[in-house]
Amino acid sequence: MRKDIFTGKVTSINHEKNYVSVAYMHNDRKKTITCRMSEKETGDETHEKVKHIYRVGDEVSFQVKGVNRGAGMIAYNLKFLYNNELQHLLDKAAADNRFIGYLKKVEDAWFIKERGSYIFFPLELSKWENLPSEEHLNEAVEFRLLHTDKPGRISAELFSHDYIPAFRKAIQAFKNNTPVEAVVTRISPYAIYVDMYGGNLQSKLPLAKRQISNLKEGDRLQVRFTYLGNTRIVIESI
């Protein structure tokens, strides 16, 4: 039995204790078994480099072994196969990537639970975005799916962002094409690193775009935003 490979469906997930419950059929009987989501604990030595984020509805394969001297059984070598409900959401996202869900928090990690499928997606926040308030837990929010071409990395992004004041100022400067002051913090062989808005935003300038014969740390430059994203800020010198 230990060498047999079973298939089943994830019915619940305990993020705090890091295990999933899987329902499966064995000898025409419906059974439920638990499995740790950590590869180290499952004994999976062939797992992919990108760890799969397990969700309710995942069809999985696994093996079974005894624990506590045969008093109980657990699953190991858990592997994701497919998820029909997730695929339905991905198909919808291709046409209209707008969903409604509820904010959830597990330990220090934030998730969004999609309203119709109850699938949890990790919430992806900008480095310039304030964390949600716990007062808003279980409130309905609108979100979009990210990384839909990589099922193992799918996450959620809120449509409404609570950015820090410095980033809101940067958005306004970007819209108006207004120059801002940047302070040189470091010069490497490849780039000039700068701070803006009192050190709350950072970016860099390629050396090829700037004459630095007399430039040093602490110097002030006039720059303009050419791109503002949730993970990257691009500027050019004036």
Protein backbone atom coordinates (compact mmCIF):
# COMPACT_ATOMS: atom_id res chain seq x y z
CA MET A 1 0.00 0.00 0.00
CA ARG A 2 2.89 2.34 0.71
CA LYS A 3 4.00 2.25 -2.92
CA ASP A 4 0.52 2.78 -4.37
CA ILE A 5 -0.29 6.18 -5.82
CA PHE A 6 -3.75 7.54 -4.97
CA THR A 7 -5.68 10.48 -6.36
CA GLY A 8 -8.13 12.68 -4.50
CA LYS A 9 -9.44 16.21 -3.99
CA VAL A 10 -8.34 18.79 -1.43
CA THR A 11 -11.38 19.50 0.75
CA SER A 12 -9.89 21.85 3.34
CA ILE A 13 -6.66 23.66 4.13
CA ASN A 14 -5.22 24.57 7.52
CA HIS A 15 -2.73 27.33 6.71
CA GLU A 16 -1.71 27.80 10.33
CA LYS A 17 -0.71 24.15 10.79
CA ASN A 18 0.41 23.78 7.17
CA TYR A 19 -1.63 20.75 6.13
CA VAL A 20 -4.42 19.84 3.73
CA SER A 21 -7.24 17.31 4.01
CA VAL A 22 -7.77 15.13 0.95
CA ALA A 23 -10.86 13.06 0.14
CA TYR A 24 -10.29 9.92 -1.95
CA MET A 25 -11.75 6.52 -2.76
CA HIS A 26 -10.14 3.26 -1.66
CA ASN A 27 -11.76 -0.15 -2.05
CA ASP A 28 -15.04 1.57 -2.98
CA ARG A 29 -15.03 3.50 0.28
CA LYS A 30 -14.69 7.26 0.66
CA LYS A 31 -11.82 8.21 2.95
CA THR A 32 -10.14 11.38 4.16
CA ILE A 33 -6.45 11.76 4.89
CA THR A 34 -4.20 14.67 5.84
CA CYS A 35 -0.91 15.73 4.32
CA ARG A 36 1.64 18.38 5.19
CA MET A 37 2.14 21.02 2.50
CA SER A 38 5.88 21.28 3.21
CA GLU A 39 7.99 19.14 0.86
CA LYS A 40 10.37 18.34 3.72
CA GLU A 41 7.55 16.93 5.81
CA THR A 42 5.82 15.10 2.96
CA GLY A 43 9.02 13.37 1.92
CA ASP A 44 8.69 14.67 -1.63
CA GLU A 45 12.17 14.67 -3.15
CA THR A 46 10.96 15.35 -6.69
CA HIS A 47 8.96 18.53 -6.11
CA GLU A 48 9.20 21.40 -8.58
CA LYS A 49 11.40 24.39 -7.76
CA VAL A 50 8.32 26.63 -7.60
CA LYS A 51 6.19 25.36 -4.73
CA HIS A 52 2.52 24.92 -5.60
CA ILE A 53 0.04 26.90 -3.52
CA TYR A 54 -2.65 24.36 -2.65
CA ARG A 55 -6.30 25.36 -2.85
CA VAL A 56 -9.66 23.75 -2.09
CA GLY A 57 -10.74 21.77 -5.15
CA ASP A 58 -7.22 20.76 -6.21
CA GLU A 59 -7.08 17.27 -7.67
CA VAL A 60 -3.89 15.72 -6.31
CA SER A 61 -1.92 12.51 -6.31
CA PHE A 62 -0.21 11.16 -3.19
CA GLN A 63 1.13 8.10 -1.42
CA VAL A 64 0.23 6.77 2.02
CA LYS A 65 2.37 5.63 4.93
CA GLY A 66 1.79 4.59 8.51
CA VAL A 67 2.63 6.72 11.54
CA ASN A 68 2.77 6.08 15.28
CA ARG A 69 3.80 2.46 14.69
CA GLY A 70 0.90 1.84 12.36
CA ALA A 71 -1.76 3.45 14.54
CA GLY A 72 -2.54 6.03 11.88
CA MET A 73 -1.96 6.90 8.23
CA ILE A 74 -0.80 10.10 6.56
CA ALA A 75 -0.29 11.14 2.94
CA TYR A 76 3.05 12.20 1.48
CA ASN A 77 4.53 13.04 -1.94
CA LEU A 78 1.54 15.30 -2.54
CA LYS A 79 1.44 16.53 -6.16
CA PHE A 80 -0.97 18.93 -7.85
CA LEU A 81 -2.80 17.59 -10.92
CA TYR A 82 -5.51 20.11 -11.83
CA ASN A 83 -8.34 22.23 -10.42
CA ASN A 84 -11.51 22.67 -12.48
CA GLU A 85 -12.83 25.55 -10.37
CA LEU A 86 -9.53 27.39 -10.64
CA GLN A 87 -9.49 26.84 -14.40
CA HIS A 88 -12.98 28.32 -14.61
CA LEU A 89 -11.72 31.48 -12.86
CA LEU A 90 -8.72 31.66 -15.19
CA ASP A 91 -11.01 31.38 -18.21
CA LYS A 92 -13.13 34.21 -16.82
CA ALA A 93 -10.05 36.32 -16.11
CA ALA A 94 -9.02 36.08 -19.75
CA ALA A 95 -12.21 37.94 -20.69
CA ASP A 96 -12.94 40.02 -17.58
CA ASN A 97 -10.32 39.97 -14.83
CA ARG A 98 -12.49 41.39 -12.07
CA PHE A 99 -13.69 39.34 -9.10
CA ILE A 100 -15.24 39.81 -5.68
CA GLY A 101 -13.81 38.16 -2.59
CA TYR A 102 -13.13 38.59 1.11
CA LEU A 103 -9.96 39.66 2.89
CA LYS A 104 -8.46 36.93 5.06
CA LYS A 105 -5.35 36.80 7.24
CA VAL A 106 -3.40 33.70 8.25
CA GLU A 107 -0.66 34.50 10.76
CA ASP A 108 1.12 37.42 9.02
CA ALA A 109 0.02 36.56 5.47
CA TRP A 110 -2.92 38.17 3.67
CA PHE A 111 -5.25 36.31 1.29
CA ILE A 112 -8.41 36.93 -0.69
CA LYS A 113 -11.08 34.22 -0.72
CA GLU A 114 -12.97 34.31 -4.02
CA ARG A 115 -16.69 34.58 -3.30
CA GLY A 116 -18.03 31.87 -5.59
CA SER A 117 -15.41 29.14 -5.39
CA TYR A 118 -13.98 29.79 -1.90
CA ILE A 119 -10.50 29.47 -3.38
CA PHE A 120 -7.83 31.40 -1.46
CA PHE A 121 -5.33 33.57 -3.36
CA PRO A 122 -2.28 35.20 -1.74
CA LEU A 123 -2.69 38.97 -1.72
CA GLU A 124 0.11 40.73 -3.59
CA LEU A 125 0.78 44.20 -2.21
CA SER A 126 3.00 46.93 -3.59
CA LYS A 127 6.12 47.80 -1.58
CA TRP A 128 4.65 51.33 -1.49
CA GLU A 129 1.23 50.22 -0.28
CA ASN A 130 -0.07 50.17 3.29
CA LEU A 131 -1.11 46.81 4.70
CA PRO A 132 -4.87 46.28 4.96
CA SER A 133 -6.43 47.02 8.32
CA GLU A 134 -7.65 44.04 10.29
CA GLU A 135 -10.89 45.98 10.71
CA HIS A 136 -11.58 45.12 7.07
CA LEU A 137 -11.22 41.34 7.48
CA ASN A 138 -14.10 39.45 5.84
CA GLU A 139 -15.23 42.57 3.99
CA ALA A 140 -16.05 42.24 0.29
CA VAL A 141 -13.35 43.64 -2.01
CA GLU A 142 -12.78 43.74 -5.76
CA PHE A 143 -9.61 42.15 -7.07
CA ARG A 144 -7.85 40.86 -10.18
CA LEU A 145 -5.74 37.76 -10.67
CA LEU A 146 -2.01 38.05 -11.38
CA HIS A 147 0.39 35.55 -13.01
CA THR A 148 -2.50 33.67 -14.61
CA ASP A 149 -0.08 31.98 -17.02
CA LYS A 150 1.72 30.33 -14.08
CA PRO A 151 -0.80 28.29 -12.01
CA GLY A 152 1.70 27.74 -9.21
CA ARG A 153 2.20 31.49 -8.70
CA ILE A 154 -1.32 32.92 -9.09
CA SER A 155 -2.00 35.76 -6.67
CA ALA A 156 -4.55 38.53 -6.20
CA GLU A 157 -4.26 42.31 -6.44
CA LEU A 158 -6.81 44.75 -5.06
CA PHE A 159 -8.42 47.22 -7.45
CA SER A 160 -8.34 49.88 -4.73
CA HIS A 161 -4.88 50.67 -3.33
CA ASP A 162 -3.93 52.50 -0.14
CA TYR A 163 -0.55 53.88 -1.20
CA ILE A 164 1.83 55.73 1.12
CA PRO A 165 1.76 59.56 0.74
CA ALA A 166 5.10 59.66 -1.13
CA PHE A 167 3.86 57.29 -3.81
CA ARG A 168 0.64 59.27 -4.22
CA LYS A 169 2.77 62.38 -4.80
CA ALA A 170 4.82 60.44 -7.36
CA ILE A 171 1.64 59.43 -9.20
CA GLN A 172 0.60 63.07 -9.43
CA ALA A 173 4.07 64.13 -10.63
CA PHE A 174 4.01 61.35 -13.24
CA LYS A 175 0.59 62.44 -14.53
CA ASN A 176 1.68 66.08 -14.76
CA ASN A 177 5.18 65.28 -16.08
CA THR A 178 6.55 67.33 -13.18
CA PRO A 179 10.27 67.09 -12.24
CA VAL A 180 11.14 66.00 -8.70
CA GLU A 181 14.30 66.22 -6.64
CA ALA A 182 16.39 63.10 -6.09
CA VAL A 183 19.33 62.63 -3.71
CA VAL A 184 22.25 60.40 -4.69
CA THR A 185 22.71 57.63 -2.11
CA ARG A 186 25.15 55.32 -3.90
CA ILE A 187 27.13 55.07 -7.12
CA SER A 188 27.99 51.64 -8.50
CA PRO A 189 29.84 50.69 -11.69
CA TYR A 190 26.44 50.34 -13.36
CA ALA A 191 23.99 52.82 -11.87
CA ILE A 192 23.33 55.88 -9.72
CA TYR A 193 21.00 55.07 -6.83
CA VAL A 194 18.76 57.85 -5.54
CA ASP A 195 16.16 58.59 -2.88
CA MET A 196 13.10 60.79 -3.40
CA TYR A 197 10.51 62.34 -1.11
CA GLY A 198 12.64 62.17 2.01
CA GLY A 199 13.91 58.66 1.35
CA ASN A 200 10.46 57.09 0.99
CA LEU A 201 10.94 56.17 -2.68
CA GLN A 202 14.03 54.75 -4.37
CA SER A 203 15.12 54.29 -7.96
CA LYS A 204 18.27 54.34 -10.07
CA LEU A 205 19.73 55.92 -13.22
CA PRO A 206 21.91 54.00 -15.68
CA LEU A 207 25.43 55.40 -15.78
CA ALA A 208 25.33 55.65 -19.56
CA LYS A 209 22.61 58.25 -19.25
CA ARG A 210 24.48 60.56 -16.88
CA GLN A 211 27.88 62.28 -16.72
CA ILE A 212 29.23 61.51 -13.22
CA SER A 213 32.77 62.84 -13.28
CA ASN A 214 31.99 65.14 -10.32
CA LEU A 215 28.92 63.37 -8.92
CA LYS A 216 29.05 62.11 -5.33
CA GLU A 217 26.76 60.82 -2.59
CA GLY A 218 24.47 63.52 -1.26
CA ASP A 219 24.28 65.44 -4.54
CA ARG A 220 20.81 66.51 -5.66
CA LEU A 221 19.43 65.89 -9.13
CA GLN A 222 16.27 66.79 -11.02
CA VAL A 223 14.56 63.69 -12.39
CA ARG A 224 11.29 62.81 -14.07
CA PHE A 225 9.20 59.63 -13.69
CA THR A 226 8.89 57.55 -16.87
CA TYR A 227 7.20 54.52 -15.28
CA LEU A 228 5.43 53.85 -11.98
CA GLY A 229 4.48 50.31 -11.06
CA ASN A 230 3.69 48.34 -7.94
CA THR A 231 7.18 46.84 -7.89
CA ARG A 232 9.34 49.24 -9.90
CA ILE A 233 9.92 52.95 -10.42
CA VAL A 234 11.77 54.18 -13.52
CA ILE A 235 13.18 57.70 -13.77
CA GLU A 236 15.26 59.78 -16.15
CA SER A 237 17.57 62.68 -15.39
CA ILE A 238 16.80 66.15 -16.66
